[in-house]
Each structure stands twice: as structure tokens, then as C-alpha cells.
């Protein structure tokens, strides 16, 4: 743990290792933490109350493992929104858990050049192979980050918009891509039966 002071309100905050961005729990200011320097990064947005299976401070156990939820980001795609939660597993490795209309997904980032090469030119229904698994594109849309709470291992920004892609394999593997000005970010994982998710509080 690292302790910092919010430059806006002065509140003392304990950070987990690897955190690059957070929202101050006292004043809601979004902060960037880089090389022991804390900078203000804007507004955390409005996180309207909604019934959720879990939230920041929860310990989630499901088929892929046990995850401590540390950050909550909400994304709007016009006709609705979904929630993404940044978490650490029992070994301290990063993961993302998604909630969308009751569906739960657990994914991990594919580092380096592990993602498909032509992701930004794919269309709905296109098929492709990744690491020996055949996928078909099931969703392509645009999303905007509308609210942030907690800690994250990457810099997110309220108001940032990007194109996203979801693809599924026949055996239920999930592959997702995010396309912005920089390099494409890829994440792989699985959909999880929400009735098999156990939620506790982080001790």
C-alpha cells in the first residue's frame, strides 16, 4: 500500500500497488498517480444508483477465481449503459469484471501484440481466428465513459469515447477490443452464470 494526499481536499488515501488512477473518496476528484506524483485529472462523473450484483469493496468468487473489486467505471452506449469493475485476483493479477443487464463477464488484458491484427476493420458477423480459437464478431458499437469510482491500473477519463467490439467462440470464450487513437486494447475471458457468483465484502 502507498499513502497519498488528495491535492484537492487533502484527504489521505491508501493505494494498492500498480494503481495509476483513482477517485478521491472524500471529494470525488479524479486523480492520476505516476512516479509518486499525484495530479488532478477532472471530474468523476455522476454514478447514479442502480441495482448491481457487486460493487467497489466486494470480494467476488466465481469459476475463474476470487477477485477483490477496487474500481468501478460506467459506460454509456446510447440505449443504455454497462458497468466495468477493475479487480485484483488472489495472486495480485489484474482483471476486469463486467455487468450488463444481469450478465457477468470476467476478462484479462492481452498484453503486447496478442490481439487480432485487423480488429479495427472487422464488421458484425465476421469470423477470425485468435490463438487457435475461432471467433465471430457479435457486437460493434461506440461507448462513452460517464462515471468513475475507486482505483484503476490505467488512466480513464469521463467523457472519453471509443469503439468497442465483442466476439464469441463456439465454446463461450469472449474476446473484446477497444479502439481509440492509440493502440487497440484486447481482453479475453468468459461469460459467467450470475447465479454461480458469490459476493462477500473484502476483509
Protein backbone atom coordinates (compact mmCIF):
# COMPACT_ATOMS: atom_id res chain seq x y z
CA UNK A 1 0.00 0.00 0.00
CA UNK A 2 1.06 3.59 -0.75
CA UNK A 3 -0.46 6.58 1.05
CA UNK A 4 -1.09 9.81 -0.87
CA UNK A 5 -2.87 13.09 -0.20
CA UNK A 6 -5.62 14.37 -2.48
CA UNK A 7 -4.39 17.70 -3.95
CA UNK A 8 -7.96 19.00 -3.99
CA UNK A 9 -9.22 18.28 -0.44
CA UNK A 10 -6.12 16.98 1.37
CA UNK A 11 -7.70 13.66 2.35
CA UNK A 12 -5.23 10.80 2.97
CA UNK A 13 -5.77 7.84 0.63
CA UNK A 14 -4.25 4.34 0.70
CA UNK A 15 -3.46 2.97 -2.78
CA UNK A 16 -2.93 -0.62 -3.89
CA UNK A 17 0.23 -1.49 -5.81
CA UNK A 18 0.01 -0.82 -9.55
CA UNK A 19 -2.75 1.81 -9.32
CA UNK A 20 -2.38 4.61 -11.89
CA UNK A 21 -5.74 6.36 -11.47
CA UNK A 22 -8.31 6.78 -8.71
CA UNK A 23 -11.16 8.92 -7.48
CA UNK A 24 -10.87 10.62 -4.11
CA UNK A 25 -13.45 9.02 -1.77
CA UNK A 26 -13.96 12.36 0.02
CA UNK A 27 -14.37 14.92 -2.78
CA UNK A 28 -14.80 12.77 -5.93
CA UNK A 29 -11.89 14.34 -7.80
CA UNK A 30 -10.25 12.05 -10.38
CA UNK A 31 -6.51 11.71 -9.72
CA UNK A 32 -3.56 10.35 -11.71
CA UNK A 33 -0.71 8.74 -9.78
CA UNK A 34 2.57 8.46 -11.70
CA UNK A 35 6.12 8.17 -10.33
CA UNK A 36 4.94 9.21 -6.85
CA UNK A 37 3.33 12.38 -8.26
CA UNK A 38 -0.41 12.99 -7.78
CA UNK A 39 -2.24 15.15 -10.34
CA UNK A 40 -5.87 16.17 -10.71
CA UNK A 41 -7.47 14.69 -13.82
CA UNK A 42 -11.01 16.05 -13.85
CA UNK A 43 -14.49 15.09 -12.67
CA UNK A 44 -15.53 11.58 -11.63
CA UNK A 45 -18.96 11.96 -13.29
CA UNK A 46 -22.38 11.07 -11.89
CA UNK A 47 -22.71 7.43 -10.79
CA UNK A 48 -26.49 7.14 -10.49
CA UNK A 49 -27.73 4.44 -8.14
CA UNK A 50 -28.71 1.19 -9.83
CA UNK A 51 -29.16 -2.36 -8.52
CA UNK A 52 -25.81 -4.13 -9.00
CA UNK A 53 -24.67 -7.66 -8.17
CA UNK A 54 -21.46 -6.25 -6.65
CA UNK A 55 -19.53 -3.01 -6.30
CA UNK A 56 -16.30 -1.47 -5.02
CA UNK A 57 -15.24 -3.20 -1.82
CA UNK A 58 -16.72 -6.57 -2.76
CA UNK A 59 -14.89 -9.89 -2.95
CA UNK A 60 -16.31 -11.86 -5.88
CA UNK A 61 -15.82 -15.62 -6.23
CA UNK A 62 -16.76 -17.41 -9.45
CA UNK A 63 -15.37 -20.09 -11.80
CA UNK A 64 -12.26 -18.10 -12.90
CA UNK A 65 -11.24 -17.33 -9.29
CA UNK A 66 -11.65 -14.81 -6.47
CA UNK A 67 -11.44 -11.08 -7.18
CA UNK A 68 -11.31 -8.00 -4.94
CA UNK A 69 -13.22 -5.17 -6.64
CA UNK A 70 -11.27 -1.89 -6.40
CA UNK A 71 -12.61 0.30 -9.23
CA UNK A 72 -15.97 0.94 -10.94
CA UNK A 73 -16.38 2.57 -14.37
CA UNK A 74 -19.72 3.10 -16.10
CA UNK A 75 -20.02 3.31 -19.89
CA UNK A 76 -22.98 4.57 -21.94
CA UNK A 77 -23.71 3.19 -25.40
CA UNK A 78 -26.75 5.35 -26.20
CA UNK A 79 -29.59 2.92 -25.48
CA UNK A 80 -28.25 2.07 -22.04
CA UNK A 81 -25.10 1.54 -20.01
CA UNK A 82 -22.96 -1.20 -18.56
CA UNK A 83 -20.57 -1.34 -15.60
CA UNK A 84 -16.90 -2.41 -15.62
CA UNK A 85 -15.05 -3.25 -12.41
CA UNK A 86 -11.27 -3.36 -12.07
CA UNK A 87 -10.14 -6.07 -9.67
CA UNK A 88 -7.14 -7.95 -8.34
CA UNK A 89 -7.20 -11.73 -8.02
CA UNK A 90 -5.73 -13.77 -5.17
CA UNK A 91 -2.24 -13.53 -6.74
CA UNK A 92 -2.45 -9.75 -7.27
CA UNK A 93 -3.06 -10.02 -11.02
CA UNK A 94 -5.36 -7.53 -12.75
CA UNK A 95 -8.79 -8.46 -14.15
CA UNK A 96 -11.96 -6.75 -15.38
CA UNK A 97 -15.45 -7.88 -14.38
CA UNK A 98 -18.39 -6.58 -16.44
CA UNK A 99 -22.08 -6.30 -15.57
CA UNK A 100 -24.52 -5.70 -18.44
CA UNK A 101 -28.25 -6.29 -17.95
CA UNK A 102 -27.58 -9.06 -15.43
CA UNK A 103 -24.85 -10.76 -17.48
CA UNK A 104 -21.39 -11.15 -15.92
CA UNK A 105 -18.06 -11.44 -17.75
CA UNK A 106 -14.53 -11.87 -16.42
CA UNK A 107 -11.69 -10.79 -18.72
CA UNK A 108 -7.96 -10.11 -18.59
CA UNK A 109 -5.91 -7.80 -20.76
CA UNK A 110 -3.90 -9.31 -23.62
CA UNK A 111 -0.55 -7.57 -23.31
CA UNK A 112 1.75 -6.72 -26.21
CA UNK A 113 0.77 -7.87 -29.69
CA UNK A 114 -1.52 -10.67 -28.56
CA UNK A 115 -4.74 -9.31 -30.10
CA UNK A 116 -6.04 -9.78 -33.64
CA UNK A 117 -4.25 -7.54 -36.14
CA UNK A 118 -7.24 -6.36 -38.20
CA UNK A 119 -9.64 -5.66 -35.34
CA UNK A 120 -10.43 -2.09 -36.40
CA UNK A 121 -11.60 -3.27 -39.85
CA UNK A 122 -13.87 -6.08 -38.62
CA UNK A 123 -17.62 -5.99 -39.19
CA UNK A 124 -20.58 -7.58 -37.42
CA UNK A 125 -20.69 -11.30 -38.20
CA UNK A 126 -17.05 -11.52 -39.35
CA UNK A 127 -15.15 -14.60 -38.29
CA UNK A 128 -11.47 -14.75 -37.33
CA UNK A 129 -9.01 -16.98 -35.50
CA UNK A 130 -7.05 -15.95 -32.42
CA UNK A 131 -4.51 -18.28 -30.78
CA UNK A 132 -6.13 -21.27 -32.47
CA UNK A 133 -9.70 -20.40 -31.42
CA UNK A 134 -12.36 -19.37 -33.96
CA UNK A 135 -14.40 -16.28 -33.05
CA UNK A 136 -17.33 -14.45 -34.61
CA UNK A 137 -18.00 -10.73 -34.08
CA UNK A 138 -21.29 -10.35 -32.16
CA UNK A 139 -21.29 -6.64 -31.32
CA UNK A 140 -19.68 -3.41 -32.55
CA UNK A 141 -20.68 -0.06 -31.08
CA UNK A 142 -19.40 3.18 -29.55
CA UNK A 143 -19.29 3.87 -25.82
CA UNK A 144 -18.58 6.85 -23.59
CA UNK A 145 -17.21 6.73 -20.05
CA UNK A 146 -19.76 8.57 -17.88
CA UNK A 147 -18.61 7.89 -14.29
CA UNK A 148 -15.66 6.58 -12.27
CA UNK A 149 -15.24 5.41 -8.67
CA UNK A 150 -12.29 3.80 -6.88
CA UNK A 151 -8.89 2.69 -8.21
CA UNK A 152 -7.66 1.58 -11.66
CA UNK A 153 -4.43 0.34 -13.20
CA UNK A 154 -4.90 2.55 -16.27
CA UNK A 155 -5.92 6.14 -16.91
CA UNK A 156 -9.63 6.51 -17.73
CA UNK A 157 -11.43 9.77 -18.41
CA UNK A 158 -15.08 10.78 -18.06
CA UNK A 159 -16.30 11.88 -21.49
CA UNK A 160 -13.83 9.69 -23.39
CA UNK A 161 -15.49 7.85 -26.30
CA UNK A 162 -14.20 4.81 -28.17
CA UNK A 163 -15.36 2.00 -30.44
CA UNK A 164 -15.64 -1.46 -28.90
CA UNK A 165 -16.01 -4.93 -30.37
CA UNK A 166 -17.15 -8.20 -28.77
CA UNK A 167 -16.59 -11.62 -30.31
CA UNK A 168 -17.56 -15.10 -29.12
CA UNK A 169 -16.22 -18.59 -29.77
CA UNK A 170 -18.41 -21.69 -30.01
CA UNK A 171 -17.34 -22.79 -26.53
CA UNK A 172 -18.23 -19.42 -24.96
CA UNK A 173 -14.86 -17.66 -24.89
CA UNK A 174 -15.20 -13.87 -25.04
CA UNK A 175 -12.75 -11.59 -26.86
CA UNK A 176 -13.19 -7.80 -26.70
CA UNK A 177 -11.34 -4.95 -28.38
CA UNK A 178 -11.26 -1.20 -27.65
CA UNK A 179 -10.26 1.15 -30.47
CA UNK A 180 -9.06 4.69 -29.81
CA UNK A 181 -6.33 6.94 -31.19
CA UNK A 182 -3.61 4.79 -29.64
CA UNK A 183 -3.02 1.04 -29.92
CA UNK A 184 -6.00 -1.33 -29.78
CA UNK A 185 -6.58 -2.87 -26.36
CA UNK A 186 -7.69 -6.52 -26.30
CA UNK A 187 -9.24 -8.51 -23.46
CA UNK A 188 -10.11 -12.21 -23.29
CA UNK A 189 -12.21 -14.22 -20.88
CA UNK A 190 -15.63 -15.84 -20.39
CA UNK A 191 -19.24 -15.06 -19.65
CA UNK A 192 -20.15 -16.26 -16.14
CA UNK A 193 -23.51 -17.55 -14.87
CA UNK A 194 -24.57 -14.82 -12.37
CA UNK A 195 -26.21 -17.48 -10.17
CA UNK A 196 -22.76 -19.02 -9.65
CA UNK A 197 -21.23 -15.74 -8.40
CA UNK A 198 -20.63 -15.45 -4.64
CA UNK A 199 -20.22 -11.94 -3.25
CA UNK A 200 -18.67 -11.01 0.10
CA UNK A 201 -17.01 -7.89 1.48
CA UNK A 202 -13.23 -7.50 1.26
CA UNK A 203 -11.96 -8.36 4.78
